[in-house]
Amino acid sequence: MLAGVPTALAPCRPFPETVSPSDGKIEGINYTSITAYAVQAIKEQRELLRQKDRQIEELNARVERLERALNSK
């Protein structure tokens, strides 16, 4: 149990407004609230992927430069 949160509700602790508890059990889920969190998470994941793509492109360019330098000797 997390700081007074019943075990069944522990996974929902960061977003308590997304569940309707009743007697320590989840009675309902507010999917509208979850959707807002999911959309934000997807946006953040997209940005991370863009950053990783840029990093991969930079590393590939670096490898190509190093290979050219080694082959020209």
C-alpha atoms as a PDB file:
ATOM      1  CA  MET A   1       0.000   0.000   0.000  1.00  0.00           C
ATOM      2  CA  LEU A   2       1.332   3.468  -0.931  1.00  0.00           C
ATOM      3  CA  ALA A   3       0.897   6.171   1.701  1.00  0.00           C
ATOM      4  CA  GLY A   4      -2.687   5.353   2.585  1.00  0.00           C
ATOM      5  CA  VAL A   5      -3.749   4.414  -0.949  1.00  0.00           C
ATOM      6  CA  PRO A   6      -5.459   1.023  -1.156  1.00  0.00           C
ATOM      7  CA  THR A   7      -3.532  -1.522  -3.224  1.00  0.00           C
ATOM      8  CA  ALA A   8      -6.161  -1.606  -5.980  1.00  0.00           C
ATOM      9  CA  LEU A   9      -5.797   2.151  -6.455  1.00  0.00           C
ATOM     10  CA  ALA A  10      -2.014   2.369  -6.123  1.00  0.00           C
ATOM     11  CA  PRO A  11      -1.363   2.441  -9.905  1.00  0.00           C
ATOM     12  CA  CYS A  12      -3.799   5.375 -10.197  1.00  0.00           C
ATOM     13  CA  ARG A  13      -2.171   7.471  -7.511  1.00  0.00           C
ATOM     14  CA  PRO A  14      -0.430   9.913  -9.884  1.00  0.00           C
ATOM     15  CA  PHE A  15      -3.760  10.621 -11.633  1.00  0.00           C
ATOM     16  CA  PRO A  16      -6.476  10.277  -8.997  1.00  0.00           C
ATOM     17  CA  GLU A  17      -8.973  12.269 -11.077  1.00  0.00           C
ATOM     18  CA  THR A  18      -9.034   9.445 -13.644  1.00  0.00           C
ATOM     19  CA  VAL A  19     -10.689   6.902 -11.343  1.00  0.00           C
ATOM     20  CA  SER A  20     -13.845   6.709  -9.270  1.00  0.00           C
ATOM     21  CA  PRO A  21     -12.977   4.763  -6.111  1.00  0.00           C
ATOM     22  CA  SER A  22     -15.531   2.970  -4.018  1.00  0.00           C
ATOM     23  CA  ASP A  23     -14.588   1.024  -0.872  1.00  0.00           C
ATOM     24  CA  GLY A  24     -10.931   0.892  -1.929  1.00  0.00           C
ATOM     25  CA  LYS A  25     -11.738  -0.511  -5.360  1.00  0.00           C
ATOM     26  CA  ILE A  26     -11.888   1.136  -8.750  1.00  0.00           C
ATOM     27  CA  GLU A  27     -15.539   1.618  -9.636  1.00  0.00           C
ATOM     28  CA  GLY A  28     -15.098   3.664 -12.790  1.00  0.00           C
ATOM     29  CA  ILE A  29     -12.532   5.272 -15.047  1.00  0.00           C
ATOM     30  CA  ASN A  30     -12.749   8.765 -16.478  1.00  0.00           C
ATOM     31  CA  TYR A  31     -11.471   8.094 -19.992  1.00  0.00           C
ATOM     32  CA  THR A  32     -11.672  11.773 -20.936  1.00  0.00           C
ATOM     33  CA  SER A  33      -9.043  12.592 -18.307  1.00  0.00           C
ATOM     34  CA  ILE A  34      -6.865   9.686 -19.386  1.00  0.00           C
ATOM     35  CA  THR A  35      -7.037  10.831 -23.019  1.00  0.00           C
ATOM     36  CA  ALA A  36      -5.543  14.206 -22.134  1.00  0.00           C
ATOM     37  CA  TYR A  37      -2.602  12.503 -20.385  1.00  0.00           C
ATOM     38  CA  ALA A  38      -2.162  10.054 -23.262  1.00  0.00           C
ATOM     39  CA  VAL A  39      -2.088  12.830 -25.874  1.00  0.00           C
ATOM     40  CA  GLN A  40       0.535  14.733 -23.879  1.00  0.00           C
ATOM     41  CA  ALA A  41       2.612  11.589 -23.437  1.00  0.00           C
ATOM     42  CA  ILE A  42       2.471  10.914 -27.188  1.00  0.00           C
ATOM     43  CA  LYS A  43       3.625  14.479 -27.916  1.00  0.00           C
ATOM     44  CA  GLU A  44       6.549  14.049 -25.536  1.00  0.00           C
ATOM     45  CA  GLN A  45       7.452  10.698 -27.097  1.00  0.00           C
ATOM     46  CA  ARG A  46       7.393  12.243 -30.581  1.00  0.00           C
ATOM     47  CA  GLU A  47       9.796  14.948 -29.492  1.00  0.00           C
ATOM     48  CA  LEU A  48      12.123  12.382 -27.938  1.00  0.00           C
ATOM     49  CA  LEU A  49      12.035  10.380 -31.173  1.00  0.00           C
ATOM     50  CA  ARG A  50      12.860  13.502 -33.196  1.00  0.00           C
ATOM     51  CA  GLN A  51      15.814  14.202 -30.928  1.00  0.00           C
ATOM     52  CA  LYS A  52      17.036  10.621 -31.266  1.00  0.00           C
ATOM     53  CA  ASP A  53      16.628  10.764 -35.051  1.00  0.00           C
ATOM     54  CA  ARG A  54      18.738  13.942 -35.178  1.00  0.00           C
ATOM     55  CA  GLN A  55      21.363  12.338 -32.959  1.00  0.00           C
ATOM     56  CA  ILE A  56      21.481   9.236 -35.178  1.00  0.00           C
ATOM     57  CA  GLU A  57      21.847  11.399 -38.293  1.00  0.00           C
ATOM     58  CA  GLU A  58      24.709  13.327 -36.692  1.00  0.00           C
ATOM     59  CA  LEU A  59      26.447  10.114 -35.624  1.00  0.00           C
ATOM     60  CA  ASN A  60      26.007   8.566 -39.076  1.00  0.00           C
ATOM     61  CA  ALA A  61      27.520  11.660 -40.671  1.00  0.00           C
ATOM     62  CA  ARG A  62      30.429  11.480 -38.256  1.00  0.00           C
ATOM     63  CA  VAL A  63      31.036   7.803 -39.052  1.00  0.00           C
ATOM     64  CA  GLU A  64      30.971   8.565 -42.775  1.00  0.00           C
ATOM     65  CA  ARG A  65      33.526  11.367 -42.322  1.00  0.00           C
ATOM     66  CA  LEU A  66      35.787   9.092 -40.285  1.00  0.00           C
ATOM     67  CA  GLU A  67      35.504   6.285 -42.836  1.00  0.00           C
ATOM     68  CA  ARG A  68      36.372   8.683 -45.679  1.00  0.00           C
ATOM     69  CA  ALA A  69      39.361   9.941 -43.720  1.00  0.00           C
ATOM     70  CA  LEU A  70      40.586   6.401 -43.084  1.00  0.00           C
ATOM     71  CA  ASN A  71      40.061   5.330 -46.698  1.00  0.00           C
ATOM     72  CA  SER A  72      41.906   8.341 -48.097  1.00  0.00           C
ATOM     73  CA  LYS A  73      45.145   7.412 -46.352  1.00  0.00           C
END
